[in-house]
Amino acid sequence: MIRKTCDNCKMHSYGSNESKKWICPYCQNDISHVKAEGATNVVLFNRTTLFDKRKK
């Protein structure tokens, strides 16, 4: 998966390949000229929720 950052609204757009024409889904700006980056997986979680030991 690859990612492009829109040079107009600065939002990230994701795709499976670098197509010829790439339109930002947020502001409709053509970002075909923007260099694609590898998308990374970042998982954020609240540790106290994950290991909740409250009695039910």
PDB file of N, CA and C in Angstrom:
ATOM      1  N   MET A   1       0.851  -1.171   0.000  1.00  0.00           N
ATOM      2  CA  MET A   1       0.000   0.000   0.000  1.00  0.00           C
ATOM      3  C   MET A   1       0.898   1.236   0.000  1.00  0.00           C
ATOM      4  N   ILE A   2       0.480   2.235  -0.763  1.00  0.00           N
ATOM      5  CA  ILE A   2       1.246   3.470  -0.818  1.00  0.00           C
ATOM      6  C   ILE A   2       0.388   4.645  -0.384  1.00  0.00           C
ATOM      7  N   ARG A   3       1.070   5.741  -0.054  1.00  0.00           N
ATOM      8  CA  ARG A   3       0.398   6.931   0.461  1.00  0.00           C
ATOM      9  C   ARG A   3       0.945   8.164  -0.240  1.00  0.00           C
ATOM     10  N   LYS A   4       0.073   9.109  -0.492  1.00  0.00           N
ATOM     11  CA  LYS A   4       0.459  10.419  -0.988  1.00  0.00           C
ATOM     12  C   LYS A   4      -0.141  11.457  -0.054  1.00  0.00           C
ATOM     13  N   THR A   5       0.586  12.540   0.159  1.00  0.00           N
ATOM     14  CA  THR A   5       0.082  13.637   0.974  1.00  0.00           C
ATOM     15  C   THR A   5      -0.266  14.783   0.039  1.00  0.00           C
ATOM     16  N   CYS A   6      -1.495  15.219   0.121  1.00  0.00           N
ATOM     17  CA  CYS A   6      -1.971  16.286  -0.747  1.00  0.00           C
ATOM     18  C   CYS A   6      -1.223  17.580  -0.443  1.00  0.00           C
ATOM     19  N   ASP A   7      -0.725  18.235  -1.495  1.00  0.00           N
ATOM     20  CA  ASP A   7      -0.013  19.491  -1.294  1.00  0.00           C
ATOM     21  C   ASP A   7      -0.955  20.673  -1.091  1.00  0.00           C
ATOM     22  N   ASN A   8      -2.255  20.441  -1.209  1.00  0.00           N
ATOM     23  CA  ASN A   8      -3.239  21.492  -0.990  1.00  0.00           C
ATOM     24  C   ASN A   8      -3.817  21.424   0.432  1.00  0.00           C
ATOM     25  N   CYS A   9      -4.398  20.272   0.815  1.00  0.00           N
ATOM     26  CA  CYS A   9      -5.058  20.160   2.128  1.00  0.00           C
ATOM     27  C   CYS A   9      -4.216  19.408   3.161  1.00  0.00           C
ATOM     28  N   LYS A  10      -3.090  18.826   2.739  1.00  0.00           N
ATOM     29  CA  LYS A  10      -2.147  18.108   3.621  1.00  0.00           C
ATOM     30  C   LYS A  10      -2.697  16.803   4.195  1.00  0.00           C
ATOM     31  N   MET A  11      -3.806  16.301   3.640  1.00  0.00           N
ATOM     32  CA  MET A  11      -4.372  15.032   4.091  1.00  0.00           C
ATOM     33  C   MET A  11      -3.714  13.886   3.332  1.00  0.00           C
ATOM     34  N   HIS A  12      -3.736  12.686   3.926  1.00  0.00           N
ATOM     35  CA  HIS A  12      -3.136  11.508   3.318  1.00  0.00           C
ATOM     36  C   HIS A  12      -4.168  10.753   2.485  1.00  0.00           C
ATOM     37  N   SER A  13      -3.714  10.265   1.348  1.00  0.00           N
ATOM     38  CA  SER A  13      -4.537   9.461   0.467  1.00  0.00           C
ATOM     39  C   SER A  13      -3.801   8.146   0.242  1.00  0.00           C
ATOM     40  N   TYR A  14      -4.515   7.030   0.289  1.00  0.00           N
ATOM     41  CA  TYR A  14      -3.896   5.704   0.203  1.00  0.00           C
ATOM     42  C   TYR A  14      -4.369   4.961  -1.039  1.00  0.00           C
ATOM     43  N   GLY A  15      -3.491   4.131  -1.579  1.00  0.00           N
ATOM     44  CA  GLY A  15      -3.848   3.323  -2.732  1.00  0.00           C
ATOM     45  C   GLY A  15      -2.981   2.083  -2.805  1.00  0.00           C
ATOM     46  N   SER A  16      -3.357   1.176  -3.685  1.00  0.00           N
ATOM     47  CA  SER A  16      -2.596  -0.071  -3.826  1.00  0.00           C
ATOM     48  C   SER A  16      -1.513   0.045  -4.883  1.00  0.00           C
ATOM     49  N   ASN A  17      -1.631   1.033  -5.765  1.00  0.00           N
ATOM     50  CA  ASN A  17      -0.590   1.264  -6.763  1.00  0.00           C
ATOM     51  C   ASN A  17      -0.606   2.735  -7.163  1.00  0.00           C
ATOM     52  N   GLU A  18       0.445   3.146  -7.824  1.00  0.00           N
ATOM     53  CA  GLU A  18       0.544   4.543  -8.237  1.00  0.00           C
ATOM     54  C   GLU A  18      -0.073   4.687  -9.627  1.00  0.00           C
ATOM     55  N   SER A  19      -1.333   5.049  -9.653  1.00  0.00           N
ATOM     56  CA  SER A  19      -2.039   5.178 -10.926  1.00  0.00           C
ATOM     57  C   SER A  19      -1.600   6.450 -11.653  1.00  0.00           C
ATOM     58  N   LYS A  20      -1.978   6.562 -12.898  1.00  0.00           N
ATOM     59  CA  LYS A  20      -1.584   7.721 -13.708  1.00  0.00           C
ATOM     60  C   LYS A  20      -2.210   9.006 -13.180  1.00  0.00           C
ATOM     61  N   LYS A  21      -3.476   8.968 -12.824  1.00  0.00           N
ATOM     62  CA  LYS A  21      -4.140  10.152 -12.281  1.00  0.00           C
ATOM     63  C   LYS A  21      -4.610   9.847 -10.867  1.00  0.00           C
ATOM     64  N   TRP A  22      -4.232  10.682  -9.919  1.00  0.00           N
ATOM     65  CA  TRP A  22      -4.568  10.466  -8.513  1.00  0.00           C
ATOM     66  C   TRP A  22      -5.207  11.745  -7.981  1.00  0.00           C
ATOM     67  N   ILE A  23      -6.461  11.652  -7.605  1.00  0.00           N
ATOM     68  CA  ILE A  23      -7.220  12.800  -7.101  1.00  0.00           C
ATOM     69  C   ILE A  23      -7.373  12.661  -5.581  1.00  0.00           C
ATOM     70  N   CYS A  24      -7.088  13.743  -4.861  1.00  0.00           N
ATOM     71  CA  CYS A  24      -7.255  13.746  -3.407  1.00  0.00           C
ATOM     72  C   CYS A  24      -8.734  13.543  -3.078  1.00  0.00           C
ATOM     73  N   PRO A  25      -9.045  12.562  -2.235  1.00  0.00           N
ATOM     74  CA  PRO A  25     -10.456  12.305  -1.898  1.00  0.00           C
ATOM     75  C   PRO A  25     -11.063  13.370  -0.982  1.00  0.00           C
ATOM     76  N   TYR A  26     -10.240  14.248  -0.420  1.00  0.00           N
ATOM     77  CA  TYR A  26     -10.736  15.250   0.520  1.00  0.00           C
ATOM     78  C   TYR A  26     -11.038  16.592  -0.152  1.00  0.00           C
ATOM     79  N   CYS A  27     -10.130  17.048  -1.057  1.00  0.00           N
ATOM     80  CA  CYS A  27     -10.325  18.372  -1.661  1.00  0.00           C
ATOM     81  C   CYS A  27     -10.375  18.330  -3.186  1.00  0.00           C
ATOM     82  N   GLN A  28     -10.298  17.128  -3.771  1.00  0.00           N
ATOM     83  CA  GLN A  28     -10.384  16.924  -5.223  1.00  0.00           C
ATOM     84  C   GLN A  28      -9.208  17.521  -5.998  1.00  0.00           C
ATOM     85  N   ASN A  29      -8.095  17.805  -5.321  1.00  0.00           N
ATOM     86  CA  ASN A  29      -6.888  18.319  -5.972  1.00  0.00           C
ATOM     87  C   ASN A  29      -6.179  17.166  -6.696  1.00  0.00           C
ATOM     88  N   ASP A  30      -5.639  17.427  -7.873  1.00  0.00           N
ATOM     89  CA  ASP A  30      -4.880  16.422  -8.614  1.00  0.00           C
ATOM     90  C   ASP A  30      -3.497  16.296  -7.964  1.00  0.00           C
ATOM     91  N   ILE A  31      -3.207  15.127  -7.367  1.00  0.00           N
ATOM     92  CA  ILE A  31      -1.913  14.919  -6.712  1.00  0.00           C
ATOM     93  C   ILE A  31      -1.082  13.865  -7.443  1.00  0.00           C
ATOM     94  N   SER A  32      -1.322  13.742  -8.736  1.00  0.00           N
ATOM     95  CA  SER A  32      -0.581  12.781  -9.555  1.00  0.00           C
ATOM     96  C   SER A  32       0.917  13.069  -9.527  1.00  0.00           C
ATOM     97  N   HIS A  33       1.294  14.332  -9.407  1.00  0.00           N
ATOM     98  CA  HIS A  33       2.698  14.731  -9.426  1.00  0.00           C
ATOM     99  C   HIS A  33       3.415  14.510  -8.089  1.00  0.00           C
ATOM    100  N   VAL A  34       2.664  14.259  -7.012  1.00  0.00           N
ATOM    101  CA  VAL A  34       3.236  14.076  -5.675  1.00  0.00           C
ATOM    102  C   VAL A  34       3.904  12.707  -5.579  1.00  0.00           C
ATOM    103  N   LYS A  35       5.091  12.672  -5.006  1.00  0.00           N
ATOM    104  CA  LYS A  35       5.818  11.413  -4.848  1.00  0.00           C
ATOM    105  C   LYS A  35       5.114  10.517  -3.826  1.00  0.00           C
ATOM    106  N   ALA A  36       4.950   9.246  -4.181  1.00  0.00           N
ATOM    107  CA  ALA A  36       4.293   8.279  -3.288  1.00  0.00           C
ATOM    108  C   ALA A  36       5.286   7.764  -2.253  1.00  0.00           C
ATOM    109  N   GLU A  37       4.774   7.466  -1.078  1.00  0.00           N
ATOM    110  CA  GLU A  37       5.562   6.891   0.019  1.00  0.00           C
ATOM    111  C   GLU A  37       4.961   5.547   0.391  1.00  0.00           C
ATOM    112  N   GLY A  38       5.750   4.706   1.020  1.00  0.00           N
ATOM    113  CA  GLY A  38       5.211   3.461   1.558  1.00  0.00           C
ATOM    114  C   GLY A  38       4.345   3.773   2.764  1.00  0.00           C
ATOM    115  N   ALA A  39       3.160   3.216   2.808  1.00  0.00           N
ATOM    116  CA  ALA A  39       2.255   3.444   3.939  1.00  0.00           C
ATOM    117  C   ALA A  39       2.706   2.588   5.114  1.00  0.00           C
ATOM    118  N   THR A  40       2.626   3.140   6.305  1.00  0.00           N
ATOM    119  CA  THR A  40       3.002   2.398   7.502  1.00  0.00           C
ATOM    120  C   THR A  40       1.764   2.122   8.335  1.00  0.00           C
ATOM    121  N   ASN A  41       1.806   1.051   9.073  1.00  0.00           N
ATOM    122  CA  ASN A  41       0.717   0.710   9.975  1.00  0.00           C
ATOM    123  C   ASN A  41       1.079   1.190  11.368  1.00  0.00           C
ATOM    124  N   VAL A  42       0.274   2.059  11.915  1.00  0.00           N
ATOM    125  CA  VAL A  42       0.479   2.562  13.262  1.00  0.00           C
ATOM    126  C   VAL A  42      -0.776   2.252  14.053  1.00  0.00           C
ATOM    127  N   VAL A  43      -0.608   1.512  15.116  1.00  0.00           N
ATOM    128  CA  VAL A  43      -1.746   1.148  15.958  1.00  0.00           C
ATOM    129  C   VAL A  43      -1.549   1.807  17.314  1.00  0.00           C
ATOM    130  N   LEU A  44      -2.489   2.641  17.670  1.00  0.00           N
ATOM    131  CA  LEU A  44      -2.441   3.301  18.972  1.00  0.00           C
ATOM    132  C   LEU A  44      -3.550   2.720  19.838  1.00  0.00           C
ATOM    133  N   PHE A  45      -3.236   2.424  21.076  1.00  0.00           N
ATOM    134  CA  PHE A  45      -4.256   1.898  21.980  1.00  0.00           C
ATOM    135  C   PHE A  45      -3.973   2.399  23.377  1.00  0.00           C
ATOM    136  N   ASN A  46      -4.988   2.362  24.164  1.00  0.00           N
ATOM    137  CA  ASN A  46      -4.874   2.759  25.552  1.00  0.00           C
ATOM    138  C   ASN A  46      -4.519   1.518  26.357  1.00  0.00           C
ATOM    139  N   ARG A  47      -3.338   1.501  26.939  1.00  0.00           N
ATOM    140  CA  ARG A  47      -2.857   0.312  27.651  1.00  0.00           C
ATOM    141  C   ARG A  47      -3.773  -0.073  28.811  1.00  0.00           C
ATOM    142  N   THR A  48      -4.326   0.898  29.505  1.00  0.00           N
ATOM    143  CA  THR A  48      -5.195   0.563  30.640  1.00  0.00           C
ATOM    144  C   THR A  48      -6.467  -0.128  30.153  1.00  0.00           C
ATOM    145  N   THR A  49      -6.929   0.215  28.970  1.00  0.00           N
ATOM    146  CA  THR A  49      -8.110  -0.449  28.421  1.00  0.00           C
ATOM    147  C   THR A  49      -7.776  -1.873  27.999  1.00  0.00           C
ATOM    148  N   LEU A  50      -6.601  -2.048  27.406  1.00  0.00           N
ATOM    149  CA  LEU A  50      -6.189  -3.361  26.932  1.00  0.00           C
ATOM    150  C   LEU A  50      -6.029  -4.349  28.093  1.00  0.00           C
ATOM    151  N   PHE A  51      -5.499  -3.880  29.189  1.00  0.00           N
ATOM    152  CA  PHE A  51      -5.239  -4.753  30.326  1.00  0.00           C
ATOM    153  C   PHE A  51      -6.173  -4.428  31.498  1.00  0.00           C
ATOM    154  N   ASP A  52      -7.415  -4.181  31.190  1.00  0.00           N
ATOM    155  CA  ASP A  52      -8.399  -3.825  32.202  1.00  0.00           C
ATOM    156  C   ASP A  52      -8.679  -5.027  33.109  1.00  0.00           C
ATOM    157  N   LYS A  53      -8.465  -4.839  34.406  1.00  0.00           N
ATOM    158  CA  LYS A  53      -8.642  -5.947  35.360  1.00  0.00           C
ATOM    159  C   LYS A  53      -9.835  -5.710  36.280  1.00  0.00           C
ATOM    160  N   ARG A  54     -10.761  -4.875  35.839  1.00  0.00           N
ATOM    161  CA  ARG A  54     -11.948  -4.640  36.665  1.00  0.00           C
ATOM    162  C   ARG A  54     -12.766  -5.909  36.790  1.00  0.00           C
ATOM    163  N   LYS A  55     -13.340  -6.120  37.938  1.00  0.00           N
ATOM    164  CA  LYS A  55     -14.212  -7.279  38.144  1.00  0.00           C
ATOM    165  C   LYS A  55     -15.600  -6.939  37.631  1.00  0.00           C
ATOM    166  N   LYS A  56     -16.215  -7.886  37.016  1.00  0.00           N
ATOM    167  CA  LYS A  56     -17.567  -7.664  36.494  1.00  0.00           C
ATOM    168  C   LYS A  56     -18.572  -8.321  37.394  1.00  0.00           C
TER     169      LYS A  56
END
